[in-house]
Amino acid sequence: MRQFGEITTVAIGDTYNDIPMIKEVDYPILVQGPDKTYVVSEDIAKLRRIDDIGPAGWNIGIIDLLKEMGNGH
């Protein structure tokens, strides 16, 4: 039993070392790398690809997710 009840997990990454983490969460988010490409081409269930890099991409990914979750999804 989890101490805090049911939890929702999110991971955001942009490099190859982030892929194992991204594969394990409820909401995987991949932002573009500095060269505006994505490091992964494989299928990851529910993967969200954000068309921006670094902190700007992270911000877009989180805001989009929070908006979606606020709508009961």
N, C-alpha and C. Protein backbone atom coordinates (compact mmCIF):
# COMPACT_ATOMS: atom_id res chain seq x y z
N MET A 1 0.84 -1.18 0.00
CA MET A 1 0.00 0.00 0.00
C MET A 1 0.89 1.25 0.00
N ARG A 2 0.54 2.19 -0.82
CA ARG A 2 1.30 3.43 -0.88
C ARG A 2 0.91 4.34 0.27
N GLN A 3 1.90 4.95 0.85
CA GLN A 3 1.68 5.83 1.99
C GLN A 3 0.75 7.00 1.66
N PHE A 4 0.84 7.52 0.44
CA PHE A 4 0.08 8.70 0.06
C PHE A 4 -1.10 8.39 -0.85
N GLY A 5 -1.47 7.12 -0.99
CA GLY A 5 -2.57 6.75 -1.87
C GLY A 5 -2.12 6.72 -3.32
N GLU A 6 -3.07 6.86 -4.21
CA GLU A 6 -2.76 6.81 -5.64
C GLU A 6 -2.01 8.08 -6.05
N ILE A 7 -0.97 7.90 -6.85
CA ILE A 7 -0.21 9.05 -7.33
C ILE A 7 -0.17 9.04 -8.85
N THR A 8 0.07 10.19 -9.43
CA THR A 8 0.24 10.33 -10.87
C THR A 8 1.67 10.76 -11.11
N THR A 9 2.33 10.09 -12.05
CA THR A 9 3.73 10.40 -12.31
C THR A 9 3.90 11.07 -13.68
N VAL A 10 4.85 12.00 -13.73
CA VAL A 10 5.18 12.75 -14.95
C VAL A 10 6.69 12.76 -15.08
N ALA A 11 7.18 12.61 -16.30
CA ALA A 11 8.61 12.77 -16.56
C ALA A 11 8.78 13.58 -17.83
N ILE A 12 9.76 14.47 -17.80
CA ILE A 12 10.07 15.31 -18.96
C ILE A 12 11.55 15.15 -19.25
N GLY A 13 11.87 14.93 -20.53
CA GLY A 13 13.27 14.80 -20.87
C GLY A 13 13.55 15.23 -22.29
N ASP A 14 14.85 15.30 -22.61
CA ASP A 14 15.25 15.66 -23.96
C ASP A 14 16.51 14.92 -24.42
N THR A 15 17.04 14.01 -23.57
CA THR A 15 18.25 13.29 -23.94
C THR A 15 18.05 11.79 -23.80
N TYR A 16 18.99 11.03 -24.37
CA TYR A 16 18.89 9.57 -24.35
C TYR A 16 18.81 9.01 -22.93
N ASN A 17 19.51 9.61 -21.99
CA ASN A 17 19.49 9.07 -20.63
C ASN A 17 18.14 9.29 -19.95
N ASP A 18 17.27 10.11 -20.51
CA ASP A 18 15.93 10.33 -19.95
C ASP A 18 14.92 9.25 -20.38
N ILE A 19 15.23 8.51 -21.42
CA ILE A 19 14.27 7.57 -22.00
C ILE A 19 13.81 6.50 -21.01
N PRO A 20 14.69 5.83 -20.25
CA PRO A 20 14.19 4.84 -19.28
C PRO A 20 13.19 5.44 -18.29
N MET A 21 13.43 6.65 -17.83
CA MET A 21 12.52 7.32 -16.90
C MET A 21 11.19 7.63 -17.59
N ILE A 22 11.25 8.14 -18.80
CA ILE A 22 10.05 8.51 -19.54
C ILE A 22 9.16 7.29 -19.79
N LYS A 23 9.76 6.14 -19.99
CA LYS A 23 8.99 4.92 -20.26
C LYS A 23 8.20 4.42 -19.04
N GLU A 24 8.53 4.88 -17.85
CA GLU A 24 7.95 4.33 -16.63
C GLU A 24 6.83 5.16 -16.00
N VAL A 25 6.47 6.28 -16.58
CA VAL A 25 5.53 7.18 -15.92
C VAL A 25 4.16 7.19 -16.59
N ASP A 26 3.20 7.79 -15.89
CA ASP A 26 1.85 7.92 -16.44
C ASP A 26 1.79 8.91 -17.59
N TYR A 27 2.55 9.99 -17.48
CA TYR A 27 2.55 11.05 -18.48
C TYR A 27 3.97 11.33 -18.95
N PRO A 28 4.42 10.65 -20.00
CA PRO A 28 5.76 10.89 -20.53
C PRO A 28 5.76 12.09 -21.48
N ILE A 29 6.72 12.99 -21.29
CA ILE A 29 6.83 14.19 -22.12
C ILE A 29 8.25 14.28 -22.65
N LEU A 30 8.37 14.49 -23.95
CA LEU A 30 9.67 14.64 -24.59
C LEU A 30 9.74 16.01 -25.24
N VAL A 31 10.72 16.80 -24.84
CA VAL A 31 10.93 18.11 -25.48
C VAL A 31 12.06 17.97 -26.49
N GLN A 32 12.13 18.90 -27.41
CA GLN A 32 13.17 18.87 -28.42
C GLN A 32 14.53 19.18 -27.79
N GLY A 33 15.56 18.61 -28.40
CA GLY A 33 16.91 18.95 -27.99
C GLY A 33 17.31 20.30 -28.57
N PRO A 34 18.50 20.79 -28.23
CA PRO A 34 18.97 22.09 -28.72
C PRO A 34 18.96 22.22 -30.24
N ASP A 35 19.09 21.08 -30.94
CA ASP A 35 19.08 21.12 -32.41
C ASP A 35 17.67 21.00 -32.98
N LYS A 36 16.64 21.11 -32.11
CA LYS A 36 15.22 21.06 -32.49
C LYS A 36 14.77 19.69 -33.02
N THR A 37 15.48 18.61 -32.62
CA THR A 37 15.07 17.25 -32.96
C THR A 37 14.75 16.51 -31.68
N TYR A 38 14.11 15.35 -31.84
CA TYR A 38 13.78 14.49 -30.71
C TYR A 38 14.77 13.34 -30.65
N VAL A 39 15.16 12.93 -29.45
CA VAL A 39 16.16 11.88 -29.29
C VAL A 39 15.60 10.48 -29.46
N VAL A 40 14.30 10.34 -29.54
CA VAL A 40 13.71 9.01 -29.61
C VAL A 40 12.74 8.95 -30.78
N SER A 41 12.78 7.84 -31.48
CA SER A 41 11.82 7.63 -32.56
C SER A 41 10.93 6.42 -32.25
N GLU A 42 11.26 5.70 -31.19
CA GLU A 42 10.48 4.51 -30.84
C GLU A 42 9.12 4.89 -30.27
N ASP A 43 8.23 3.92 -30.30
CA ASP A 43 6.90 4.13 -29.75
C ASP A 43 6.93 4.03 -28.23
N ILE A 44 6.49 5.05 -27.57
CA ILE A 44 6.32 5.04 -26.12
C ILE A 44 4.87 5.42 -25.87
N ALA A 45 4.16 4.56 -25.15
CA ALA A 45 2.73 4.78 -24.92
C ALA A 45 2.48 6.16 -24.33
N LYS A 46 1.53 6.87 -24.88
CA LYS A 46 1.07 8.18 -24.40
C LYS A 46 2.14 9.28 -24.44
N LEU A 47 3.20 9.08 -25.22
CA LEU A 47 4.27 10.07 -25.29
C LEU A 47 3.77 11.37 -25.89
N ARG A 48 4.06 12.46 -25.22
CA ARG A 48 3.76 13.80 -25.72
C ARG A 48 5.06 14.40 -26.22
N ARG A 49 5.04 14.88 -27.45
CA ARG A 49 6.21 15.54 -28.02
C ARG A 49 5.95 17.05 -28.04
N ILE A 50 6.82 17.79 -27.41
CA ILE A 50 6.66 19.23 -27.31
C ILE A 50 7.60 19.90 -28.31
N ASP A 51 7.05 20.79 -29.11
CA ASP A 51 7.81 21.46 -30.16
C ASP A 51 8.52 22.70 -29.64
N ASP A 52 9.39 22.49 -28.67
CA ASP A 52 10.25 23.56 -28.17
C ASP A 52 11.36 22.91 -27.36
N ILE A 53 12.36 23.68 -27.01
CA ILE A 53 13.54 23.12 -26.33
C ILE A 53 13.63 23.60 -24.88
N GLY A 54 14.41 22.87 -24.09
CA GLY A 54 14.78 23.26 -22.73
C GLY A 54 13.63 23.73 -21.86
N PRO A 55 13.87 24.75 -21.06
CA PRO A 55 12.85 25.23 -20.12
C PRO A 55 11.56 25.69 -20.80
N ALA A 56 11.66 26.25 -22.00
CA ALA A 56 10.44 26.67 -22.70
C ALA A 56 9.58 25.45 -23.04
N GLY A 57 10.21 24.38 -23.51
CA GLY A 57 9.48 23.15 -23.81
C GLY A 57 8.90 22.52 -22.56
N TRP A 58 9.67 22.52 -21.49
CA TRP A 58 9.21 21.99 -20.20
C TRP A 58 7.97 22.75 -19.76
N ASN A 59 8.01 24.06 -19.85
CA ASN A 59 6.89 24.91 -19.45
C ASN A 59 5.63 24.59 -20.27
N ILE A 60 5.78 24.48 -21.57
CA ILE A 60 4.64 24.15 -22.43
C ILE A 60 4.07 22.79 -22.06
N GLY A 61 4.94 21.81 -21.86
CA GLY A 61 4.48 20.46 -21.52
C GLY A 61 3.69 20.42 -20.23
N ILE A 62 4.17 21.09 -19.20
CA ILE A 62 3.49 21.10 -17.90
C ILE A 62 2.17 21.86 -17.98
N ILE A 63 2.18 23.03 -18.61
CA ILE A 63 0.95 23.81 -18.71
C ILE A 63 -0.12 23.05 -19.49
N ASP A 64 0.26 22.43 -20.61
CA ASP A 64 -0.71 21.63 -21.39
C ASP A 64 -1.27 20.49 -20.56
N LEU A 65 -0.41 19.81 -19.83
CA LEU A 65 -0.86 18.69 -19.00
C LEU A 65 -1.79 19.16 -17.89
N LEU A 66 -1.44 20.25 -17.22
CA LEU A 66 -2.30 20.76 -16.15
C LEU A 66 -3.66 21.21 -16.67
N LYS A 67 -3.67 21.83 -17.86
CA LYS A 67 -4.94 22.22 -18.47
C LYS A 67 -5.80 20.98 -18.75
N GLU A 68 -5.17 19.96 -19.30
CA GLU A 68 -5.89 18.72 -19.60
C GLU A 68 -6.44 18.07 -18.32
N MET A 69 -5.61 18.00 -17.30
CA MET A 69 -6.04 17.38 -16.05
C MET A 69 -7.12 18.20 -15.36
N GLY A 70 -7.10 19.51 -15.54
CA GLY A 70 -8.11 20.38 -14.98
C GLY A 70 -9.47 20.20 -15.65
N ASN A 71 -9.46 19.61 -16.85
CA ASN A 71 -10.70 19.35 -17.57
C ASN A 71 -11.23 17.95 -17.30
N GLY A 72 -10.72 17.31 -16.26
CA GLY A 72 -11.22 16.00 -15.87
C GLY A 72 -10.66 14.83 -16.64
N HIS A 73 -9.54 15.00 -17.32
CA HIS A 73 -8.92 13.91 -18.09
C HIS A 73 -7.90 13.20 -17.25
